Protein backbone atom coordinates (compact mmCIF):
# COMPACT_ATOMS: atom_id res chain seq x y z
CA MET A 1 -13.34 9.19 -20.58
CA ASP A 2 -11.85 5.92 -19.33
CA LYS A 3 -8.09 6.18 -19.81
CA ASN A 4 -7.84 2.39 -20.12
CA SER A 5 -9.70 2.67 -23.42
CA PHE A 6 -6.94 4.86 -24.88
CA ALA A 7 -4.47 1.97 -25.32
CA GLN A 8 -6.23 -1.39 -25.27
CA THR A 9 -3.00 -3.06 -26.31
CA PRO A 10 0.56 -1.84 -25.65
CA PRO A 11 1.27 1.20 -27.86
CA MET A 12 3.61 0.52 -30.79
CA GLY A 13 5.41 3.25 -32.69
CA TRP A 14 8.52 5.29 -33.42
CA ASN A 15 10.26 7.90 -31.29
CA SER A 16 12.79 10.39 -32.64
CA TYR A 17 15.22 10.44 -29.69
CA ASP A 18 17.62 7.55 -30.29
CA TYR A 19 18.55 8.78 -33.75
CA TYR A 20 17.96 12.55 -33.76
CA ASP A 21 18.46 13.48 -30.08
CA THR A 22 17.13 17.08 -29.74
CA THR A 23 17.44 18.05 -33.41
CA VAL A 24 14.60 16.32 -35.32
CA THR A 25 12.84 18.40 -37.99
CA GLU A 26 9.40 18.32 -39.56
CA ALA A 27 10.76 16.87 -42.79
CA GLN A 28 12.47 14.06 -40.89
CA VAL A 29 9.34 13.26 -38.90
CA LYS A 30 7.37 13.04 -42.14
CA GLU A 31 9.98 10.74 -43.71
CA ASN A 32 9.71 8.35 -40.77
CA ALA A 33 5.91 8.56 -40.75
CA ASP A 34 5.79 7.78 -44.47
CA TYR A 35 7.98 4.73 -43.92
CA MET A 36 5.84 3.52 -41.02
CA ALA A 37 2.67 3.85 -43.07
CA ALA A 38 4.18 1.94 -45.97
CA HIS A 39 6.05 -0.84 -44.14
CA LEU A 40 5.00 -1.13 -40.47
CA LYS A 41 1.41 0.03 -40.08
CA ALA A 42 -0.01 -3.32 -41.21
CA PHE A 43 1.78 -4.99 -38.29
CA GLY A 44 0.32 -2.72 -35.59
CA TRP A 45 2.86 0.11 -35.52
CA GLU A 46 0.98 3.41 -35.38
CA TYR A 47 2.45 6.14 -33.12
CA VAL A 48 4.86 8.79 -34.45
CA VAL A 49 6.39 10.59 -31.47
CA VAL A 50 8.47 13.80 -31.59
CA ASP A 51 10.83 13.65 -28.64
CA ILE A 52 12.54 16.25 -26.50
CA GLN A 53 13.04 20.00 -27.17
CA TRP A 54 10.89 20.42 -30.27
CA TYR A 55 10.38 23.97 -28.95
CA SER A 56 14.11 24.83 -29.05
CA ASN A 57 15.42 27.06 -31.85
CA ASP A 58 19.06 26.38 -30.96
CA ALA A 59 18.91 22.69 -29.99
CA GLY A 60 22.10 20.86 -30.88
CA SER A 61 24.08 24.03 -31.59
CA LYS A 62 26.33 23.54 -28.53
CA ARG A 63 26.21 19.75 -28.36
CA GLU A 64 29.87 19.49 -27.29
CA GLU A 65 28.99 21.52 -24.17
CA TYR A 66 25.30 20.93 -23.51
CA GLN A 67 22.65 18.48 -24.51
CA TYR A 68 20.11 21.01 -23.22
CA ILE A 69 21.24 24.64 -23.40
CA PRO A 70 20.46 26.60 -20.20
CA PHE A 71 17.99 29.41 -20.95
CA GLY A 72 18.24 28.65 -24.64
CA ASP A 73 16.15 30.17 -27.42
CA VAL A 74 12.70 28.61 -27.03
CA GLU A 75 9.31 29.29 -28.61
CA MET A 76 6.38 30.20 -26.34
CA ASP A 77 2.93 31.67 -26.82
CA GLN A 78 1.56 34.58 -24.78
CA TRP A 79 0.44 32.16 -22.04
CA GLY A 80 3.90 30.69 -21.46
CA ARG A 81 3.10 27.46 -23.31
CA LEU A 82 5.93 26.04 -25.41
CA GLN A 83 5.44 25.97 -29.19
CA PRO A 84 7.26 24.09 -31.96
CA SER A 85 10.35 25.82 -33.34
CA PRO A 86 9.24 27.29 -36.70
CA ALA A 87 12.79 26.94 -38.02
CA ARG A 88 12.56 23.17 -37.56
CA PHE A 89 8.78 22.77 -37.98
CA PRO A 90 7.81 25.35 -40.64
CA SER A 91 4.12 24.39 -40.67
CA SER A 92 3.84 25.51 -37.03
CA ALA A 93 4.31 29.19 -37.89
CA GLN A 94 1.62 31.79 -37.12
CA GLY A 95 0.35 29.93 -34.07
CA ARG A 96 -0.59 26.71 -35.85
CA GLY A 97 1.54 24.60 -33.52
CA PHE A 98 1.70 20.91 -34.31
CA ALA A 99 -1.78 20.85 -35.86
CA PRO A 100 -0.54 20.64 -39.50
CA LEU A 101 2.02 17.92 -38.73
CA ALA A 102 -0.50 15.95 -36.69
CA ALA A 103 -2.96 16.20 -39.59
CA TYR A 104 -0.29 14.87 -41.95
CA VAL A 105 0.37 11.90 -39.67
CA HIS A 106 -3.35 11.25 -39.22
CA GLY A 107 -3.74 11.36 -42.99
CA LEU A 108 -1.45 8.34 -43.18
CA GLY A 109 -3.73 6.44 -40.81
CA LEU A 110 -1.26 6.87 -37.93
CA LYS A 111 -1.29 8.64 -34.54
CA PHE A 112 0.79 11.61 -33.42
CA GLY A 113 2.67 12.08 -30.16
CA ILE A 114 4.99 14.57 -28.46
CA HIS A 115 7.45 14.65 -25.58
CA ILE A 116 7.07 17.20 -22.78
CA MET A 117 8.98 17.99 -19.62
CA ARG A 118 7.11 18.08 -16.33
CA GLY A 119 6.37 21.63 -15.28
CA ILE A 120 6.19 25.19 -16.59
CA PRO A 121 8.98 26.94 -18.55
CA ARG A 122 11.49 28.75 -16.34
CA GLN A 123 11.55 31.56 -18.87
CA ALA A 124 7.77 31.96 -18.53
CA ALA A 125 8.25 32.33 -14.76
CA GLU A 126 11.12 34.78 -15.20
CA ARG A 127 8.99 36.94 -17.53
CA ARG A 128 5.90 36.61 -15.28
CA MET A 129 3.76 35.52 -18.20
CA PRO A 130 0.02 35.10 -17.50
CA VAL A 131 -1.53 31.69 -16.89
CA LEU A 132 -4.59 31.18 -19.06
CA GLY A 133 -7.86 31.10 -17.13
CA THR A 134 -6.42 32.64 -13.97
CA GLU A 135 -5.37 35.98 -12.50
CA LYS A 136 -1.96 34.50 -11.68
CA THR A 137 1.32 34.67 -13.55
CA ALA A 138 3.76 31.84 -14.21
CA ASP A 139 6.10 32.81 -11.37
CA ALA A 140 3.28 32.22 -8.88
CA VAL A 141 2.41 28.83 -10.36
CA ALA A 142 6.02 27.65 -10.64
CA ASP A 143 7.81 25.84 -7.83
CA PRO A 144 11.50 26.85 -8.09
CA TYR A 145 12.43 24.16 -5.53
CA SER A 146 11.18 21.43 -7.85
CA VAL A 147 13.63 21.04 -10.73
CA CYS A 148 15.02 18.43 -13.08
CA PRO A 149 18.73 17.66 -12.50
CA TRP A 150 19.50 17.02 -16.19
CA ASN A 151 17.26 19.42 -18.11
CA PRO A 152 17.15 23.17 -17.24
CA ASP A 153 13.98 24.10 -19.12
CA MET A 154 11.27 23.84 -16.47
CA TYR A 155 10.19 24.45 -12.90
CA GLY A 156 7.69 22.15 -11.25
CA VAL A 157 4.07 23.27 -11.01
CA ARG A 158 2.47 23.87 -7.62
CA PRO A 159 -0.55 21.62 -6.86
CA THR A 160 -2.97 24.54 -6.65
CA GLN A 161 -6.09 25.58 -8.53
CA GLU A 162 -3.96 27.86 -10.71
CA GLY A 163 -1.41 25.07 -11.25
CA GLN A 164 -4.19 22.79 -12.46
CA ALA A 165 -5.40 25.60 -14.75
CA TYR A 166 -1.94 25.71 -16.35
CA TYR A 167 -2.02 21.99 -17.12
CA ASP A 168 -5.64 22.27 -18.29
CA SER A 169 -4.67 24.99 -20.75
CA LEU A 170 -1.71 22.92 -21.94
CA LEU A 171 -3.80 19.82 -22.64
CA SER A 172 -6.51 21.91 -24.28
CA LEU A 173 -3.82 23.22 -26.64
CA TYR A 174 -2.48 19.74 -27.38
CA ALA A 175 -5.97 18.36 -27.95
CA GLY A 176 -6.58 21.17 -30.43
CA TRP A 177 -3.39 20.22 -32.25
CA GLY A 178 -4.58 16.61 -32.52
CA VAL A 179 -2.05 15.04 -30.16
CA ASP A 180 -2.76 11.36 -29.40
CA PHE A 181 0.20 10.54 -27.15
CA ILE A 182 2.24 12.43 -24.54
CA LYS A 183 5.56 11.24 -23.17
CA CYS A 184 6.10 13.28 -20.01
CA ASP A 185 9.66 13.34 -18.67
CA ASP A 186 11.12 13.91 -15.18
CA ILE A 187 7.90 12.61 -13.65
CA CYS A 188 8.07 8.82 -13.24
CA ASP A 189 11.21 8.98 -11.11
CA SER A 190 13.71 11.62 -10.04
CA LYS A 191 17.40 11.35 -9.27
CA LEU A 192 17.09 14.26 -6.81
CA TYR A 193 14.15 13.61 -4.52
CA ARG A 194 14.79 10.49 -2.47
CA GLU A 195 14.15 11.51 1.13
CA GLN A 196 11.76 14.39 0.50
CA PRO A 197 8.46 14.76 -1.41
CA PHE A 198 8.72 14.73 -5.21
CA SER A 199 6.15 17.00 -6.89
CA GLY A 200 6.05 14.65 -9.87
CA TRP A 201 3.46 12.53 -8.06
CA GLU A 202 1.10 15.51 -7.78
CA GLU A 203 1.85 16.63 -11.33
CA THR A 204 0.98 13.17 -12.65
CA ARG A 205 -2.45 13.57 -11.10
CA MET A 206 -2.80 17.07 -12.56
CA LEU A 207 -1.90 15.83 -16.03
CA HIS A 208 -4.40 13.00 -15.69
CA LYS A 209 -7.15 15.43 -14.70
CA ALA A 210 -6.26 17.73 -17.60
CA ILE A 211 -6.46 14.83 -20.06
CA GLU A 212 -9.88 13.90 -18.68
CA LYS A 213 -11.05 17.49 -19.26
CA CYS A 214 -9.56 18.05 -22.73
CA GLY A 215 -12.11 15.96 -24.62
CA ARG A 216 -9.53 13.92 -26.55
CA PRO A 217 -8.20 10.43 -25.74
CA ILE A 218 -4.47 10.99 -25.13
CA VAL A 219 -2.15 8.20 -24.01
CA LEU A 220 0.02 9.32 -21.07
CA SER A 221 3.53 7.86 -20.87
CA LEU A 222 5.74 8.60 -17.83
CA SER A 223 9.55 8.81 -17.95
CA PRO A 224 12.25 8.20 -16.91
CA GLY A 225 12.53 5.19 -14.64
CA PRO A 226 13.08 3.09 -12.80
CA ALA A 227 9.49 3.34 -11.63
CA HIS A 228 8.82 2.60 -7.95
CA ILE A 229 7.12 -0.76 -7.45
CA GLY A 230 5.50 0.59 -4.28
CA ARG A 231 3.63 3.11 -6.44
CA ALA A 232 2.39 0.59 -9.00
CA TRP A 233 -1.24 1.32 -8.12
CA GLU A 234 -0.67 5.05 -8.66
CA TYR A 235 0.97 4.67 -12.06
CA GLY A 236 -1.85 2.35 -13.14
CA ARG A 237 -4.52 4.76 -11.99
CA TYR A 238 -3.19 7.92 -13.62
CA ALA A 239 -1.09 6.83 -16.63
CA ASN A 240 -1.06 4.33 -19.47
CA MET A 241 2.70 3.65 -19.52
CA TRP A 242 5.50 4.11 -17.02
CA ARG A 243 9.19 3.41 -17.46
CA ILE A 244 10.65 0.60 -15.36
CA THR A 245 14.22 1.50 -16.35
CA ASP A 246 16.40 4.54 -16.89
CA ASP A 247 17.23 5.26 -20.55
CA PHE A 248 17.74 1.90 -22.24
CA TRP A 249 20.55 1.66 -24.78
CA ASP A 250 22.22 -1.07 -26.82
CA GLU A 251 24.39 -2.63 -24.11
CA TRP A 252 24.08 -6.31 -23.18
CA LYS A 253 24.35 -5.61 -19.44
CA LEU A 254 21.29 -3.35 -19.67
CA LEU A 255 19.33 -5.94 -21.61
CA LYS A 256 20.26 -8.72 -19.19
CA ALA A 257 19.12 -6.55 -16.27
CA MET A 258 15.68 -6.21 -17.86
CA PHE A 259 14.83 -9.81 -16.97
CA ALA A 260 14.82 -8.91 -13.26
CA ARG A 261 12.86 -5.71 -13.94
CA CYS A 262 10.21 -7.54 -15.95
CA GLU A 263 9.92 -10.22 -13.27
CA LEU A 264 9.28 -7.48 -10.69
CA TRP A 265 6.52 -5.85 -12.77
CA GLN A 266 4.95 -8.81 -14.62
CA ASP A 267 1.80 -8.88 -12.47
CA HIS A 268 1.04 -5.18 -13.05
CA VAL A 269 0.40 -5.43 -16.80
CA LYS A 270 -3.25 -4.93 -17.70
CA GLN A 271 -5.38 -3.33 -20.38
CA GLY A 272 -4.54 0.35 -20.69
CA CYS A 273 -1.72 0.13 -18.12
CA TYR A 274 1.73 -1.00 -19.19
CA PRO A 275 5.06 -1.02 -17.38
CA ASP A 276 7.43 0.24 -20.09
CA CYS A 277 10.80 -1.33 -20.97
CA ASP A 278 11.75 1.77 -23.02
CA MET A 279 12.72 2.04 -26.66
CA LEU A 280 14.11 -0.54 -29.06
CA PRO A 281 17.63 0.65 -30.03
CA VAL A 282 17.81 -1.22 -33.33
CA GLY A 283 19.00 -0.20 -36.79
CA LYS A 284 20.82 3.10 -37.25
CA LEU A 285 21.17 5.30 -34.17
CA GLY A 286 22.99 8.34 -32.81
CA LYS A 287 23.09 10.91 -35.61
CA GLY A 288 21.93 13.73 -33.32
CA PHE A 289 24.49 12.72 -30.71
CA GLY A 290 27.35 13.33 -33.13
CA GLU A 291 27.84 10.20 -35.21
CA GLU A 292 25.46 7.82 -36.94
CA ARG A 293 26.13 4.18 -36.06
CA MET A 294 24.52 0.78 -36.24
CA THR A 295 23.14 -0.72 -33.04
CA ASN A 296 25.70 -2.47 -30.85
CA PHE A 297 23.29 -5.33 -30.26
CA THR A 298 24.00 -8.55 -32.15
CA ARG A 299 21.14 -10.10 -34.09
CA GLU A 300 20.68 -12.69 -31.34
CA GLU A 301 20.50 -9.93 -28.72
CA GLN A 302 17.94 -8.05 -30.78
CA LYS A 303 15.75 -11.16 -30.98
CA THR A 304 16.11 -11.58 -27.22
CA MET A 305 15.07 -7.96 -26.65
CA VAL A 306 12.02 -8.03 -28.92
CA THR A 307 10.93 -11.40 -27.52
CA LEU A 308 11.16 -10.25 -23.90
CA TRP A 309 9.37 -6.95 -24.60
CA CYS A 310 6.52 -8.82 -26.35
CA LEU A 311 6.18 -11.61 -23.76
CA PHE A 312 6.09 -8.99 -21.00
CA ARG A 313 3.68 -6.90 -23.09
CA SER A 314 5.73 -3.73 -22.93
CA PRO A 315 4.96 -0.84 -25.24
CA LEU A 316 7.23 -0.91 -28.30
CA MET A 317 8.92 2.27 -29.56
CA ILE A 318 11.50 1.99 -32.33
CA GLY A 319 14.52 4.25 -31.88
CA ALA A 320 16.02 3.84 -35.34
CA ASN A 321 15.86 6.04 -38.40
CA LEU A 322 13.07 4.11 -40.13
CA PRO A 323 13.99 4.89 -43.76
CA GLY A 324 17.45 3.46 -43.01
CA LEU A 325 16.21 0.05 -41.83
CA ASP A 326 17.79 -2.93 -43.55
CA ALA A 327 15.76 -5.98 -44.57
CA TRP A 328 16.76 -8.05 -41.54
CA THR A 329 15.80 -5.35 -39.01
CA LEU A 330 12.48 -4.83 -40.78
CA SER A 331 11.82 -8.56 -40.52
CA LEU A 332 12.66 -8.39 -36.79
CA LEU A 333 9.97 -5.75 -36.29
CA THR A 334 7.30 -7.42 -38.43
CA ASN A 335 7.20 -10.99 -37.08
CA LYS A 336 3.44 -11.37 -36.69
CA GLU A 337 3.65 -14.38 -34.38
CA ILE A 338 6.02 -12.64 -31.96
CA LEU A 339 3.99 -9.41 -32.05
CA ALA A 340 0.81 -11.41 -31.36
CA LEU A 341 2.11 -11.96 -27.82
CA LEU A 342 1.26 -8.29 -27.15
CA LYS A 343 -2.48 -8.64 -27.66
CA GLU A 344 -5.06 -8.46 -24.91
CA GLY A 345 -5.73 -11.95 -23.59
CA CYS A 346 -2.05 -12.92 -23.50
CA HIS A 347 -0.18 -12.92 -20.21
CA GLY A 348 3.54 -13.50 -19.85
CA VAL A 349 5.30 -14.74 -16.70
CA GLN A 350 8.87 -15.66 -15.91
CA LEU A 351 9.12 -19.33 -14.87
CA ALA A 352 12.81 -19.42 -14.04
CA ARG A 353 15.89 -17.20 -14.02
CA THR A 354 19.52 -17.76 -13.13
CA GLU A 355 22.69 -15.90 -14.01
CA THR A 356 22.94 -17.84 -17.27
CA MET A 357 19.35 -18.49 -18.42
CA ALA A 358 15.72 -17.45 -18.17
CA VAL A 359 12.42 -19.05 -19.16
CA TRP A 360 9.21 -17.18 -19.94
CA LYS A 361 5.73 -18.50 -20.69
CA SER A 362 2.79 -16.73 -22.32
CA LYS A 363 -0.75 -18.07 -22.29
CA ASP A 364 -3.30 -16.79 -24.79
CA ARG A 365 -6.46 -16.97 -22.71
CA VAL A 366 -8.67 -16.60 -25.80
CA LYS A 367 -7.08 -19.20 -28.08
CA GLY A 368 -5.68 -21.35 -25.31
CA THR A 369 -2.26 -21.50 -26.95
CA VAL A 370 0.94 -21.62 -24.89
CA THR A 371 4.25 -20.06 -25.92
CA VAL A 372 7.52 -20.67 -24.10
CA ALA A 373 10.85 -18.87 -24.57
CA LEU A 374 14.24 -20.24 -23.56
CA PHE A 375 16.77 -17.41 -23.14
CA ASN A 376 20.51 -18.05 -23.01
CA LEU A 377 22.01 -15.25 -20.88
CA SER A 378 25.51 -16.75 -20.92
CA GLU A 379 28.52 -15.93 -23.07
CA GLU A 380 28.55 -19.29 -24.87
CA ALA A 381 26.02 -21.33 -26.82
CA ALA A 382 24.15 -23.66 -24.49
CA ALA A 383 21.64 -26.51 -24.50
CA LEU A 384 18.57 -25.40 -22.53
CA SER A 385 15.62 -27.57 -21.54
CA LEU A 386 12.24 -27.37 -19.83
CA PRO A 387 9.93 -30.25 -18.83
CA LEU A 388 6.45 -29.93 -20.29
CA GLU A 389 4.99 -30.38 -16.81
CA ALA A 390 6.66 -27.11 -15.73
CA LEU A 391 4.22 -25.27 -17.99
CA GLU A 392 1.27 -26.44 -15.85
CA GLU A 393 -0.98 -26.27 -18.89
CA GLY A 394 -2.32 -29.81 -19.19
CA PHE A 395 0.86 -31.28 -20.64
CA GLU A 396 1.62 -33.30 -17.49
CA GLY A 397 2.37 -36.93 -18.29
CA LYS A 398 2.69 -36.32 -22.02
CA GLY A 399 5.81 -37.73 -23.57
CA GLU A 400 5.50 -35.79 -26.76
CA ALA A 401 4.27 -32.38 -27.93
CA GLY A 402 4.63 -30.42 -31.11
CA LEU A 403 6.83 -27.36 -31.17
CA TYR A 404 6.83 -24.44 -33.60
CA GLU A 405 9.73 -21.99 -33.29
CA LEU A 406 8.48 -18.46 -33.97
CA TRP A 407 11.72 -16.87 -35.22
CA GLU A 408 13.05 -19.63 -37.45
CA LYS A 409 9.59 -20.99 -38.41
CA GLU A 410 10.71 -24.57 -37.73
CA GLU A 411 8.60 -27.49 -36.49
CA SER A 412 9.92 -30.14 -34.11
CA LEU A 413 8.85 -32.44 -31.28
CA THR A 414 9.68 -32.70 -27.60
CA CYS A 415 11.66 -35.69 -26.45
CA SER A 416 10.46 -37.66 -23.39
CA GLY A 417 8.29 -34.76 -22.30
CA VAL A 418 11.11 -32.20 -22.34
CA ILE A 419 11.57 -29.11 -24.54
CA THR A 420 15.25 -29.01 -25.47
CA ALA A 421 17.03 -26.41 -27.60
CA SER A 422 20.52 -25.34 -28.56
CA VAL A 423 20.47 -21.59 -27.99
CA PRO A 424 23.21 -19.17 -29.14
CA ALA A 425 24.93 -16.90 -26.63
CA HIS A 426 22.61 -14.03 -25.63
CA GLY A 427 19.95 -15.62 -27.84
CA VAL A 428 16.49 -17.15 -27.54
CA LYS A 429 14.31 -19.93 -28.88
CA VAL A 430 10.57 -19.26 -28.81
CA TYR A 431 8.18 -22.19 -29.15
CA GLN A 432 4.46 -22.44 -29.51
CA VAL A 433 3.64 -25.73 -27.76
CA GLN A 434 1.01 -27.94 -29.36
CA GLY A 435 -0.41 -31.08 -27.74
CA LYS A 436 -0.09 -34.32 -29.68
């Protein structure tokens, strides 16, 4: 199977982490899936992803002390493979795993995804549980010197025949459940391994091989970032998505920093391979972290974020509780003309960037249309401008061109061959440019 056929456009969906943290339940996943099917599916949103620690029976019970409880109460099968917590996912009981929930999501015309940590459970190694298809036990497959600094659940897997067999058995299990998407954590980058080899590179290859063998097209997403630009070829060869940032939250300084990150990675976006800007922290967030709240981003900042993600052609994963979306946020996520910038054939590039502004252009190679975005990165409203000739798209020498702003749905004209706009602080104007 060609992995580039798994995601011919950037994956779009919902992920449970920003709202539920480690505590999401089957009922909550279904509620969000139902909402996506009813309100977002028609606009290209299709993945429903259960994030971290779905296998934990006591997740969230000591949140004031631990996000991830050391040697907590986890579900495993006889082969040391993690299983959904039946207390949180009742349909998984009696060895059914995520198959019933995946079937429910598929029945809505959507796709189902899960989060995993790189490696093999430490508890499987401690108990010397057998590795399916081998004569080895988990302690022999595990690499106790390869660990995650922020999550205590796993050891790395040794790049051996038996280590590959472990990953093969894992992906065979997931394929049997009907998993369409895997977000693998502690594998794209590590805060620990800077001057010495990081086994995540080998484990990425093992996961890729296991997906090839499992007989099911499964999108592979690598987290966390920032990804290493020097390994761009490797990410593109073995994965479909890779994070170019650490966890992205609703802080302006993080959003502003994404312009430099996208500039660095803009030439590595291609069909089936997408540098990933991380989730969209919009709407209601944070319930699993202790207190539900609305996003800290202003409406202008949210438009800036969605515009940049789409121009860059990043995957889009909503972090909000979908049933709690208000009408404005729903409209933000269902702007067909902005979302059209994600499609194959479009290519976004940054034309200019300073401390106070940025300009991006996207060319639709199929339709021939040109879209330009003027971003105000400053703290005050500002008048921003761009000569038509800077687009290098046949507008040279033209004194006038038609403009259609994609957020406000307003038509206007350039003046003396210059696109000029009054842009709110932290905001954006996005124009489709039409020759006159």
